[in-house]
């Protein structure tokens, strides 16, 4: 298993688990525990992002190494994951900002939506990891555009 992709995937899964615990805490009106847990989830997501961007800059990205028959499906799935992750990241920043600025009515409204997007991002991220490194052998490590689109 490759170290950096495994490590970054670990942190995104940890962030999703922490978000789930944060939901439980706020449902039980444990606001302090909710805040600490959600901050920890944000730090875990940020750690993922730092590892991912560092790897992309210094190593490159791994292209799909699975069968050609499913490469198109993988590419569509990957693009969906990238859009979801970007949306989730933006929503996460907005939601965290609203909480820290004590704009709680807006935070309460957007928080559940953000969480669902983040759960979907984590699940699709794990699937991308499994398809690239576990189920199939990874392809070549190359630039992001070449890894995604094959050119």
N, C-alpha and C. Protein backbone atom coordinates (compact mmCIF):
# COMPACT_ATOMS: atom_id res chain seq x y z
N UNK A 1 0.84 -1.19 0.00
CA UNK A 1 0.00 0.00 0.00
C UNK A 1 0.88 1.25 0.00
N UNK A 2 0.59 2.17 -0.87
CA UNK A 2 1.39 3.40 -0.92
C UNK A 2 1.13 4.26 0.32
N UNK A 3 2.19 4.80 0.90
CA UNK A 3 2.09 5.51 2.17
C UNK A 3 1.22 6.76 2.12
N UNK A 4 1.54 7.71 1.25
CA UNK A 4 0.82 8.99 1.26
C UNK A 4 -0.66 8.86 0.89
N UNK A 5 -1.02 8.10 -0.16
CA UNK A 5 -2.46 7.94 -0.42
C UNK A 5 -3.20 7.23 0.72
N UNK A 6 -2.55 6.26 1.33
CA UNK A 6 -3.17 5.55 2.45
C UNK A 6 -3.35 6.49 3.63
N UNK A 7 -2.35 7.27 3.90
CA UNK A 7 -2.40 8.22 5.01
C UNK A 7 -3.47 9.30 4.77
N UNK A 8 -3.51 9.84 3.58
CA UNK A 8 -4.51 10.88 3.30
C UNK A 8 -5.93 10.31 3.36
N UNK A 9 -6.12 9.09 2.86
CA UNK A 9 -7.43 8.45 2.92
C UNK A 9 -7.82 8.20 4.37
N UNK A 10 -6.88 7.80 5.20
CA UNK A 10 -7.13 7.61 6.63
C UNK A 10 -7.69 8.89 7.25
N UNK A 11 -7.07 10.02 6.96
CA UNK A 11 -7.51 11.28 7.55
C UNK A 11 -8.88 11.72 7.07
N UNK A 12 -9.24 11.42 5.83
CA UNK A 12 -10.56 11.79 5.36
C UNK A 12 -11.62 10.92 6.01
N UNK A 13 -11.30 9.65 6.23
CA UNK A 13 -12.23 8.75 6.94
C UNK A 13 -12.39 9.19 8.39
N UNK A 14 -11.29 9.55 9.03
CA UNK A 14 -11.35 10.04 10.41
C UNK A 14 -12.23 11.29 10.49
N UNK A 15 -12.08 12.18 9.51
CA UNK A 15 -12.89 13.41 9.54
C UNK A 15 -14.38 13.07 9.43
N UNK A 16 -14.74 12.12 8.57
CA UNK A 16 -16.15 11.74 8.42
C UNK A 16 -16.68 11.09 9.71
N UNK A 17 -15.87 10.26 10.33
CA UNK A 17 -16.29 9.63 11.59
C UNK A 17 -16.49 10.69 12.66
N UNK A 18 -15.59 11.66 12.72
CA UNK A 18 -15.72 12.74 13.70
C UNK A 18 -16.97 13.58 13.43
N UNK A 19 -17.29 13.83 12.17
CA UNK A 19 -18.50 14.56 11.83
C UNK A 19 -19.73 13.78 12.33
N UNK A 20 -19.71 12.47 12.16
CA UNK A 20 -20.83 11.65 12.65
C UNK A 20 -20.96 11.76 14.17
N UNK A 21 -19.85 11.72 14.88
CA UNK A 21 -19.89 11.91 16.34
C UNK A 21 -20.39 13.32 16.68
N UNK A 22 -19.98 14.31 15.88
CA UNK A 22 -20.45 15.66 16.11
C UNK A 22 -21.96 15.77 16.00
N UNK A 23 -22.54 15.06 15.04
CA UNK A 23 -24.00 15.00 14.90
C UNK A 23 -24.64 14.44 16.16
N UNK A 24 -24.07 13.35 16.66
CA UNK A 24 -24.61 12.71 17.87
C UNK A 24 -24.53 13.68 19.04
N UNK A 25 -23.41 14.35 19.19
CA UNK A 25 -23.25 15.28 20.31
C UNK A 25 -24.24 16.43 20.26
N UNK A 26 -24.45 17.00 19.08
CA UNK A 26 -25.37 18.14 19.00
C UNK A 26 -26.81 17.67 19.18
N UNK A 27 -27.11 16.46 18.73
CA UNK A 27 -28.46 15.92 18.93
C UNK A 27 -28.76 15.72 20.42
N UNK A 28 -27.72 15.45 21.18
CA UNK A 28 -27.86 15.29 22.64
C UNK A 28 -27.63 16.60 23.38
N UNK A 29 -27.54 17.71 22.63
CA UNK A 29 -27.32 19.05 23.16
C UNK A 29 -26.01 19.17 23.95
N UNK A 30 -25.02 18.42 23.53
CA UNK A 30 -23.67 18.52 24.13
C UNK A 30 -22.86 19.44 23.23
N UNK A 31 -23.08 20.73 23.39
CA UNK A 31 -22.51 21.73 22.48
C UNK A 31 -20.99 21.81 22.54
N UNK A 32 -20.43 21.71 23.73
CA UNK A 32 -18.98 21.79 23.86
C UNK A 32 -18.30 20.59 23.17
N UNK A 33 -18.85 19.40 23.39
CA UNK A 33 -18.31 18.20 22.74
C UNK A 33 -18.49 18.29 21.22
N UNK A 34 -19.64 18.83 20.79
CA UNK A 34 -19.90 19.02 19.37
C UNK A 34 -18.84 19.94 18.75
N UNK A 35 -18.60 21.05 19.41
CA UNK A 35 -17.62 22.02 18.88
C UNK A 35 -16.23 21.40 18.79
N UNK A 36 -15.78 20.76 19.87
CA UNK A 36 -14.45 20.13 19.87
C UNK A 36 -14.34 19.07 18.78
N UNK A 37 -15.38 18.27 18.63
CA UNK A 37 -15.36 17.19 17.65
C UNK A 37 -15.33 17.73 16.23
N UNK A 38 -16.12 18.76 15.98
CA UNK A 38 -16.16 19.32 14.63
C UNK A 38 -14.86 20.06 14.29
N UNK A 39 -14.24 20.69 15.26
CA UNK A 39 -12.94 21.30 15.02
C UNK A 39 -11.91 20.21 14.71
N UNK A 40 -11.96 19.10 15.46
CA UNK A 40 -11.06 17.98 15.19
C UNK A 40 -11.32 17.40 13.79
N UNK A 41 -12.59 17.32 13.39
CA UNK A 41 -12.93 16.84 12.05
C UNK A 41 -12.35 17.78 10.99
N UNK A 42 -12.42 19.08 11.25
CA UNK A 42 -11.86 20.06 10.32
C UNK A 42 -10.35 19.93 10.21
N UNK A 43 -9.70 19.72 11.35
CA UNK A 43 -8.24 19.55 11.35
C UNK A 43 -7.86 18.28 10.59
N UNK A 44 -8.63 17.22 10.78
CA UNK A 44 -8.37 15.98 10.05
C UNK A 44 -8.55 16.18 8.55
N UNK A 45 -9.59 16.89 8.15
CA UNK A 45 -9.81 17.17 6.73
C UNK A 45 -8.69 18.05 6.16
N UNK A 46 -8.24 19.02 6.95
CA UNK A 46 -7.14 19.88 6.52
C UNK A 46 -5.85 19.06 6.38
N UNK A 47 -5.63 18.14 7.29
CA UNK A 47 -4.45 17.27 7.20
C UNK A 47 -4.49 16.46 5.91
N UNK A 48 -5.68 15.90 5.60
CA UNK A 48 -5.85 15.20 4.32
C UNK A 48 -5.45 16.12 3.16
N UNK A 49 -5.99 17.33 3.17
CA UNK A 49 -5.77 18.26 2.07
C UNK A 49 -4.29 18.60 1.91
N UNK A 50 -3.60 18.82 3.01
CA UNK A 50 -2.17 19.14 2.96
C UNK A 50 -1.38 17.97 2.37
N UNK A 51 -1.69 16.75 2.81
CA UNK A 51 -1.00 15.57 2.28
C UNK A 51 -1.30 15.41 0.80
N UNK A 52 -2.57 15.56 0.43
CA UNK A 52 -2.97 15.38 -0.97
C UNK A 52 -2.29 16.41 -1.88
N UNK A 53 -2.35 17.67 -1.49
CA UNK A 53 -1.75 18.72 -2.32
C UNK A 53 -0.23 18.55 -2.39
N UNK A 54 0.40 18.23 -1.28
CA UNK A 54 1.85 18.01 -1.27
C UNK A 54 2.24 16.88 -2.20
N UNK A 55 1.49 15.79 -2.14
CA UNK A 55 1.77 14.65 -3.01
C UNK A 55 1.56 15.04 -4.48
N UNK A 56 0.49 15.78 -4.75
CA UNK A 56 0.21 16.19 -6.12
C UNK A 56 1.34 17.07 -6.66
N UNK A 57 1.82 17.98 -5.83
CA UNK A 57 2.87 18.90 -6.26
C UNK A 57 4.20 18.18 -6.44
N UNK A 58 4.58 17.37 -5.45
CA UNK A 58 5.93 16.79 -5.45
C UNK A 58 6.04 15.43 -6.12
N UNK A 59 4.97 14.66 -6.17
CA UNK A 59 5.04 13.31 -6.73
C UNK A 59 4.21 13.20 -8.01
N UNK A 60 3.04 13.82 -7.99
CA UNK A 60 2.09 13.68 -9.09
C UNK A 60 0.93 12.82 -8.66
N UNK A 61 0.06 12.52 -9.59
CA UNK A 61 -1.10 11.68 -9.32
C UNK A 61 -0.96 10.36 -10.05
N UNK A 62 -1.65 9.36 -9.54
CA UNK A 62 -1.61 8.03 -10.13
C UNK A 62 -2.79 7.87 -11.07
N UNK A 63 -2.49 7.43 -12.29
CA UNK A 63 -3.56 7.19 -13.25
C UNK A 63 -4.22 5.84 -12.96
N UNK A 64 -5.40 5.65 -13.51
CA UNK A 64 -6.13 4.41 -13.32
C UNK A 64 -5.41 3.27 -14.02
N UNK A 65 -5.18 2.17 -13.30
CA UNK A 65 -4.46 1.04 -13.88
C UNK A 65 -5.33 -0.16 -14.14
N UNK A 66 -6.64 0.00 -13.93
CA UNK A 66 -7.57 -1.11 -14.13
C UNK A 66 -7.87 -1.34 -15.60
N UNK A 67 -8.80 -2.24 -15.87
CA UNK A 67 -9.14 -2.59 -17.25
C UNK A 67 -9.68 -1.40 -18.05
N UNK A 68 -9.33 -1.38 -19.32
CA UNK A 68 -9.78 -0.30 -20.20
C UNK A 68 -11.31 -0.23 -20.31
N UNK A 69 -11.99 -1.39 -20.14
CA UNK A 69 -13.44 -1.43 -20.27
C UNK A 69 -14.15 -0.57 -19.22
N UNK A 70 -13.51 -0.35 -18.08
CA UNK A 70 -14.18 0.43 -17.03
C UNK A 70 -13.51 1.79 -16.80
N UNK A 71 -12.50 2.10 -17.59
CA UNK A 71 -11.79 3.36 -17.40
C UNK A 71 -12.70 4.58 -17.54
N UNK A 72 -13.61 4.55 -18.50
CA UNK A 72 -14.54 5.67 -18.69
C UNK A 72 -15.43 5.84 -17.46
N UNK A 73 -15.92 4.73 -16.92
CA UNK A 73 -16.76 4.79 -15.72
C UNK A 73 -15.98 5.32 -14.52
N UNK A 74 -14.74 4.86 -14.40
CA UNK A 74 -13.89 5.35 -13.32
C UNK A 74 -13.67 6.86 -13.46
N UNK A 75 -13.42 7.32 -14.68
CA UNK A 75 -13.16 8.75 -14.92
C UNK A 75 -14.39 9.58 -14.55
N UNK A 76 -15.57 9.14 -14.94
CA UNK A 76 -16.80 9.85 -14.59
C UNK A 76 -16.97 9.87 -13.07
N UNK A 77 -16.72 8.73 -12.43
CA UNK A 77 -16.82 8.64 -10.97
C UNK A 77 -15.82 9.57 -10.30
N UNK A 78 -14.60 9.62 -10.81
CA UNK A 78 -13.55 10.48 -10.26
C UNK A 78 -13.92 11.96 -10.39
N UNK A 79 -14.44 12.34 -11.54
CA UNK A 79 -14.86 13.73 -11.73
C UNK A 79 -15.99 14.08 -10.76
N UNK A 80 -16.94 13.16 -10.59
CA UNK A 80 -18.02 13.36 -9.62
C UNK A 80 -17.44 13.54 -8.21
N UNK A 81 -16.46 12.71 -7.84
CA UNK A 81 -15.82 12.82 -6.53
C UNK A 81 -15.11 14.17 -6.37
N UNK A 82 -14.41 14.61 -7.39
CA UNK A 82 -13.69 15.88 -7.32
C UNK A 82 -14.67 17.05 -7.13
N UNK A 83 -15.77 17.03 -7.87
CA UNK A 83 -16.78 18.09 -7.72
C UNK A 83 -17.39 18.04 -6.32
N UNK A 84 -17.69 16.85 -5.86
CA UNK A 84 -18.26 16.66 -4.52
C UNK A 84 -17.29 17.13 -3.44
N UNK A 85 -16.02 16.76 -3.58
CA UNK A 85 -15.01 17.15 -2.58
C UNK A 85 -14.81 18.66 -2.56
N UNK A 86 -14.79 19.27 -3.72
CA UNK A 86 -14.64 20.73 -3.78
C UNK A 86 -15.85 21.41 -3.13
N UNK A 87 -17.03 20.95 -3.47
CA UNK A 87 -18.26 21.49 -2.88
C UNK A 87 -18.25 21.28 -1.37
N UNK A 88 -17.90 20.07 -0.94
CA UNK A 88 -17.85 19.77 0.49
C UNK A 88 -16.84 20.63 1.23
N UNK A 89 -15.70 20.86 0.61
CA UNK A 89 -14.68 21.71 1.23
C UNK A 89 -15.16 23.15 1.41
N UNK A 90 -15.78 23.68 0.36
CA UNK A 90 -16.31 25.05 0.44
C UNK A 90 -17.42 25.12 1.49
N UNK A 91 -18.35 24.18 1.44
CA UNK A 91 -19.42 24.15 2.44
C UNK A 91 -18.85 24.01 3.84
N UNK A 92 -17.82 23.18 3.98
CA UNK A 92 -17.19 22.99 5.29
C UNK A 92 -16.61 24.28 5.84
N UNK A 93 -15.90 25.01 4.99
CA UNK A 93 -15.34 26.29 5.42
C UNK A 93 -16.42 27.29 5.81
N UNK A 94 -17.47 27.35 5.02
CA UNK A 94 -18.58 28.27 5.32
C UNK A 94 -19.26 27.87 6.63
N UNK A 95 -19.52 26.58 6.80
CA UNK A 95 -20.19 26.10 8.01
C UNK A 95 -19.35 26.35 9.24
N UNK A 96 -18.07 26.07 9.15
CA UNK A 96 -17.16 26.31 10.28
C UNK A 96 -17.09 27.80 10.59
N UNK A 97 -17.00 28.61 9.56
CA UNK A 97 -16.95 30.06 9.75
C UNK A 97 -18.22 30.58 10.42
N UNK A 98 -19.37 30.10 10.00
CA UNK A 98 -20.63 30.52 10.61
C UNK A 98 -20.66 30.15 12.10
N UNK A 99 -20.16 28.97 12.43
CA UNK A 99 -20.15 28.54 13.83
C UNK A 99 -19.20 29.41 14.65
N UNK A 100 -18.02 29.65 14.13
CA UNK A 100 -17.04 30.43 14.87
C UNK A 100 -17.46 31.89 15.05
N UNK A 101 -18.24 32.40 14.09
CA UNK A 101 -18.75 33.78 14.20
C UNK A 101 -20.07 33.82 14.97
N UNK A 102 -20.48 32.65 15.50
CA UNK A 102 -21.70 32.54 16.31
C UNK A 102 -22.96 32.91 15.53
N UNK A 103 -22.95 32.66 14.24
CA UNK A 103 -24.16 32.85 13.42
C UNK A 103 -24.88 31.50 13.38
N UNK A 104 -25.39 31.12 14.54
CA UNK A 104 -25.89 29.76 14.74
C UNK A 104 -27.14 29.41 13.94
N UNK A 105 -28.09 30.32 13.72
CA UNK A 105 -29.24 29.92 12.89
C UNK A 105 -28.81 29.47 11.48
N UNK A 106 -27.90 30.21 10.87
CA UNK A 106 -27.40 29.82 9.54
C UNK A 106 -26.56 28.55 9.64
N UNK A 107 -25.76 28.45 10.69
CA UNK A 107 -24.94 27.25 10.90
C UNK A 107 -25.82 26.01 11.02
N UNK A 108 -26.89 26.12 11.79
CA UNK A 108 -27.81 24.98 11.97
C UNK A 108 -28.48 24.58 10.67
N UNK A 109 -28.69 25.55 9.80
CA UNK A 109 -29.36 25.28 8.53
C UNK A 109 -28.42 24.60 7.53
N UNK A 110 -27.20 25.09 7.44
CA UNK A 110 -26.26 24.57 6.44
C UNK A 110 -25.47 23.36 6.95
N UNK A 111 -25.32 23.23 8.27
CA UNK A 111 -24.51 22.15 8.84
C UNK A 111 -24.91 20.75 8.41
N UNK A 112 -26.20 20.40 8.50
CA UNK A 112 -26.59 19.05 8.07
C UNK A 112 -26.32 18.79 6.58
N UNK A 113 -26.52 19.79 5.75
CA UNK A 113 -26.25 19.64 4.31
C UNK A 113 -24.75 19.41 4.10
N UNK A 114 -23.95 20.20 4.79
CA UNK A 114 -22.49 20.06 4.70
C UNK A 114 -22.06 18.65 5.12
N UNK A 115 -22.63 18.17 6.20
CA UNK A 115 -22.26 16.85 6.72
C UNK A 115 -22.58 15.74 5.72
N UNK A 116 -23.75 15.80 5.11
CA UNK A 116 -24.13 14.78 4.13
C UNK A 116 -23.18 14.83 2.93
N UNK A 117 -22.87 16.03 2.46
CA UNK A 117 -21.92 16.16 1.36
C UNK A 117 -20.57 15.57 1.77
N UNK A 118 -20.16 15.83 3.00
CA UNK A 118 -18.86 15.33 3.46
C UNK A 118 -18.85 13.82 3.58
N UNK A 119 -19.95 13.22 4.06
CA UNK A 119 -20.02 11.75 4.12
C UNK A 119 -19.90 11.17 2.72
N UNK A 120 -20.60 11.75 1.76
CA UNK A 120 -20.52 11.27 0.37
C UNK A 120 -19.12 11.45 -0.19
N UNK A 121 -18.47 12.56 0.14
CA UNK A 121 -17.10 12.81 -0.30
C UNK A 121 -16.17 11.74 0.26
N UNK A 122 -16.30 11.45 1.54
CA UNK A 122 -15.43 10.44 2.17
C UNK A 122 -15.65 9.07 1.54
N UNK A 123 -16.90 8.70 1.32
CA UNK A 123 -17.20 7.39 0.74
C UNK A 123 -16.64 7.29 -0.68
N UNK A 124 -16.88 8.32 -1.50
CA UNK A 124 -16.36 8.26 -2.87
C UNK A 124 -14.84 8.35 -2.88
N UNK A 125 -14.26 9.07 -1.93
CA UNK A 125 -12.80 9.13 -1.82
C UNK A 125 -12.19 7.78 -1.50
N UNK A 126 -12.82 7.06 -0.59
CA UNK A 126 -12.34 5.70 -0.26
C UNK A 126 -12.48 4.80 -1.48
N UNK A 127 -13.57 4.95 -2.22
CA UNK A 127 -13.75 4.14 -3.43
C UNK A 127 -12.66 4.44 -4.47
N UNK A 128 -12.33 5.70 -4.65
CA UNK A 128 -11.25 6.06 -5.58
C UNK A 128 -9.95 5.41 -5.12
N UNK A 129 -9.66 5.51 -3.82
CA UNK A 129 -8.45 4.89 -3.26
C UNK A 129 -8.44 3.38 -3.53
N UNK A 130 -9.56 2.72 -3.24
CA UNK A 130 -9.64 1.26 -3.45
C UNK A 130 -9.43 0.90 -4.92
N UNK A 131 -10.05 1.67 -5.81
CA UNK A 131 -9.91 1.39 -7.25
C UNK A 131 -8.49 1.65 -7.75
N UNK A 132 -7.82 2.64 -7.18
CA UNK A 132 -6.47 2.98 -7.65
C UNK A 132 -5.38 2.11 -7.06
N UNK A 133 -5.54 1.67 -5.82
CA UNK A 133 -4.42 1.04 -5.13
C UNK A 133 -4.68 -0.37 -4.59
N UNK A 134 -5.93 -0.74 -4.41
CA UNK A 134 -6.23 -2.04 -3.78
C UNK A 134 -6.83 -3.02 -4.79
N UNK A 135 -7.95 -2.63 -5.40
CA UNK A 135 -8.64 -3.53 -6.33
C UNK A 135 -7.80 -3.74 -7.59
N UNK A 136 -7.23 -2.67 -8.11
CA UNK A 136 -6.37 -2.73 -9.29
C UNK A 136 -5.02 -2.15 -8.93
N UNK A 137 -4.00 -2.54 -9.66
CA UNK A 137 -2.70 -1.92 -9.49
C UNK A 137 -2.78 -0.52 -10.09
N UNK A 138 -2.20 0.44 -9.39
CA UNK A 138 -2.19 1.80 -9.90
C UNK A 138 -1.45 1.89 -11.22
N UNK A 139 -1.87 2.83 -12.02
CA UNK A 139 -1.17 3.08 -13.28
C UNK A 139 0.08 3.90 -13.00
N UNK A 140 0.49 4.62 -13.99
CA UNK A 140 1.68 5.44 -13.82
C UNK A 140 1.37 6.65 -12.96
N UNK A 141 2.38 7.15 -12.29
CA UNK A 141 2.24 8.38 -11.52
C UNK A 141 2.63 9.51 -12.45
N UNK A 142 1.71 10.43 -12.62
CA UNK A 142 1.90 11.47 -13.62
C UNK A 142 1.15 12.73 -13.21
N UNK A 143 1.11 13.70 -14.07
CA UNK A 143 0.42 14.95 -13.75
C UNK A 143 -1.07 14.70 -13.54
N UNK A 144 -1.72 15.62 -12.83
CA UNK A 144 -3.14 15.46 -12.51
C UNK A 144 -4.00 15.35 -13.77
N UNK A 145 -3.81 16.21 -14.73
CA UNK A 145 -4.62 16.15 -15.94
C UNK A 145 -4.44 14.86 -16.69
N UNK A 146 -3.22 14.37 -16.75
CA UNK A 146 -2.99 13.11 -17.45
C UNK A 146 -3.61 11.94 -16.68
N UNK A 147 -3.51 11.98 -15.35
CA UNK A 147 -4.09 10.92 -14.54
C UNK A 147 -5.61 10.88 -14.68
N UNK A 148 -6.24 12.05 -14.75
CA UNK A 148 -7.70 12.09 -14.83
C UNK A 148 -8.20 11.82 -16.23
N UNK A 149 -7.64 12.50 -17.22
CA UNK A 149 -8.18 12.45 -18.56
C UNK A 149 -7.38 11.57 -19.54
N UNK A 150 -6.20 11.14 -19.13
CA UNK A 150 -5.42 10.25 -19.99
C UNK A 150 -4.64 10.94 -21.08
N UNK A 151 -4.50 12.28 -21.01
CA UNK A 151 -3.69 12.96 -22.02
C UNK A 151 -2.71 13.90 -21.37
